[in-house]
Amino acid sequence: MYYLKNKYFYRWAKKQRITDKTLIDAIEEFEKGLFEVNLGNHLYKKRIALAGRGKSGGARTILFYQQGRKLIFCHGFEKNQQSNLSSSELNFLHKLSNSYQVINEDLILEGIQQKKFFKILKSEEWKVWKTA
């Protein structure tokens, strides 16, 4: 299973000071079925907390998910700057989802090398990495 950020999300999250730990927490909640909306075509909206603002005043993320294969954070926005996705954004994300559905492991690894994707460590890996 791959847990990733695409290049757009990586830049946005860095600007918002969203850590991998925050994303790991969101992944763990998502895997328990805790997400806001299933947008169809393997896309989900998931709230995350921003430093000092919590979830309700925080950010919204859009992630692509194929069970047992890959989870990719692909879009994010602050709730106080945008209330929801526009129809053009949603259409674009559905097209992006179509391309993500056919990406195999070789293309994921190539994308990581080319810095089109960035790995997010799962909590077990995080704990090992943090203590090593």
Protein backbone atom coordinates (compact mmCIF):
# COMPACT_ATOMS: atom_id res chain seq x y z
CA MET A 1 0.00 0.00 0.00
CA TYR A 2 1.34 3.42 -0.98
CA TYR A 3 0.53 6.57 1.00
CA LEU A 4 1.45 9.60 -1.09
CA LYS A 5 1.10 13.33 -1.70
CA ASN A 6 1.11 14.61 -5.26
CA LYS A 7 3.36 17.56 -6.12
CA TYR A 8 0.55 20.12 -5.90
CA PHE A 9 -0.58 18.89 -2.48
CA TYR A 10 3.03 18.63 -1.24
CA ARG A 11 3.60 22.34 -2.01
CA TRP A 12 0.25 23.41 -0.55
CA ALA A 13 0.76 21.37 2.65
CA LYS A 14 4.27 22.74 3.10
CA LYS A 15 2.94 26.30 2.79
CA GLN A 16 0.20 25.51 5.35
CA ARG A 17 2.74 23.82 7.66
CA ILE A 18 0.83 20.54 7.54
CA THR A 19 3.11 17.79 8.80
CA ASP A 20 3.21 14.15 7.76
CA LYS A 21 2.09 13.34 11.31
CA THR A 22 -1.12 15.31 10.68
CA LEU A 23 -1.61 13.41 7.42
CA ILE A 24 -0.92 10.10 9.18
CA ASP A 25 -3.64 10.93 11.71
CA ALA A 26 -6.01 11.75 8.83
CA ILE A 27 -5.13 8.47 7.09
CA GLU A 28 -5.80 6.47 10.24
CA GLU A 29 -9.19 8.18 10.66
CA PHE A 30 -10.00 7.66 6.99
CA GLU A 31 -9.19 3.94 7.22
CA LYS A 32 -11.69 3.72 10.09
CA GLY A 33 -14.36 5.20 7.82
CA LEU A 34 -14.13 8.72 9.26
CA PHE A 35 -14.31 11.10 6.32
CA GLU A 36 -16.70 13.85 5.27
CA VAL A 37 -17.86 12.96 1.77
CA ASN A 38 -17.38 10.27 -0.85
CA LEU A 39 -17.10 12.33 -4.04
CA GLY A 40 -17.27 9.26 -6.28
CA ASN A 41 -14.63 7.83 -8.61
CA HIS A 42 -12.31 6.94 -5.68
CA LEU A 43 -12.23 10.54 -4.35
CA TYR A 44 -12.96 11.52 -0.75
CA LYS A 45 -13.07 14.77 1.21
CA LYS A 46 -11.29 14.63 4.57
CA ARG A 47 -10.98 17.44 7.13
CA ILE A 48 -7.66 18.04 8.81
CA ALA A 49 -6.66 20.38 11.61
CA LEU A 50 -4.44 23.37 11.03
CA ALA A 51 -2.13 24.54 13.80
CA GLY A 52 -4.12 26.50 16.36
CA ARG A 53 -7.44 26.18 14.52
CA GLY A 54 -8.56 22.57 14.90
CA LYS A 55 -10.58 20.70 12.29
CA SER A 56 -13.68 22.88 12.10
CA GLY A 57 -11.61 25.95 11.22
CA GLY A 58 -8.93 23.98 9.44
CA ALA A 59 -8.47 22.62 5.98
CA ARG A 60 -10.22 20.28 3.61
CA THR A 61 -8.26 17.72 1.68
CA ILE A 62 -9.24 15.62 -1.29
CA LEU A 63 -7.69 12.22 -1.48
CA PHE A 64 -7.71 9.42 -4.01
CA TYR A 65 -8.06 5.92 -2.56
CA GLN A 66 -7.86 2.43 -4.04
CA GLN A 67 -8.26 -0.10 -1.27
CA GLY A 68 -5.08 -2.05 -0.59
CA ARG A 69 -3.17 -0.24 -3.36
CA LYS A 70 -2.75 3.50 -2.91
CA LEU A 71 -3.94 6.61 -1.12
CA ILE A 72 -2.90 9.93 -2.65
CA PHE A 73 -3.58 13.36 -1.18
CA CYS A 74 -4.20 15.41 -4.31
CA HIS A 75 -5.86 18.72 -3.34
CA GLY A 76 -6.30 20.93 -0.31
CA PHE A 77 -7.93 24.20 0.65
CA GLU A 78 -8.54 26.22 3.79
CA LYS A 79 -12.16 26.35 4.91
CA ASN A 80 -11.97 30.10 5.59
CA GLN A 81 -10.81 30.77 2.01
CA GLN A 82 -13.09 28.40 0.12
CA SER A 83 -16.27 26.72 1.34
CA ASN A 84 -16.32 23.89 -1.18
CA LEU A 85 -14.99 22.66 -4.51
CA SER A 86 -16.13 24.40 -7.67
CA SER A 87 -17.62 22.26 -10.43
CA SER A 88 -14.51 22.83 -12.58
CA GLU A 89 -12.24 21.70 -9.72
CA LEU A 90 -14.37 18.61 -9.18
CA ASN A 91 -14.28 17.79 -12.91
CA PHE A 92 -10.50 18.18 -12.92
CA LEU A 93 -10.16 15.93 -9.85
CA HIS A 94 -12.31 13.25 -11.49
CA LYS A 95 -10.02 13.31 -14.54
CA LEU A 96 -7.01 13.10 -12.23
CA SER A 97 -8.65 10.16 -10.46
CA ASN A 98 -9.06 8.36 -13.78
CA SER A 99 -5.30 8.65 -14.37
CA TYR A 100 -4.47 7.56 -10.81
CA GLN A 101 -6.60 4.42 -11.20
CA VAL A 102 -4.30 3.01 -13.88
CA ILE A 103 -0.96 3.92 -12.27
CA ASN A 104 0.94 0.76 -11.40
CA GLU A 105 3.76 0.27 -8.90
CA ASP A 106 6.49 0.99 -11.47
CA LEU A 107 4.89 4.32 -12.37
CA ILE A 108 4.49 5.20 -8.68
CA LEU A 109 8.17 4.52 -8.02
CA GLU A 110 9.13 6.52 -11.12
CA GLY A 111 6.89 9.37 -9.94
CA ILE A 112 8.58 9.33 -6.53
CA GLN A 113 12.02 9.54 -8.18
CA GLN A 114 10.84 12.41 -10.40
CA LYS A 115 9.30 14.18 -7.38
CA LYS A 116 5.78 13.99 -8.79
CA PHE A 117 4.79 11.98 -5.69
CA PHE A 118 6.08 12.17 -2.13
CA LYS A 119 5.79 9.28 0.33
CA ILE A 120 3.91 9.56 3.61
CA LEU A 121 5.06 7.05 6.19
CA LYS A 122 2.37 4.99 7.92
CA SER A 123 2.24 5.21 11.72
CA GLU A 124 4.24 2.00 12.30
CA GLU A 125 6.98 3.26 9.96
CA TRP A 126 6.74 6.72 11.57
CA LYS A 127 7.35 5.30 15.04
CA VAL A 128 10.35 3.28 13.83
CA TRP A 129 11.73 6.28 11.96
CA LYS A 130 11.20 8.67 14.89
CA THR A 131 12.97 6.33 17.34
CA ALA A 132 15.82 5.35 15.03
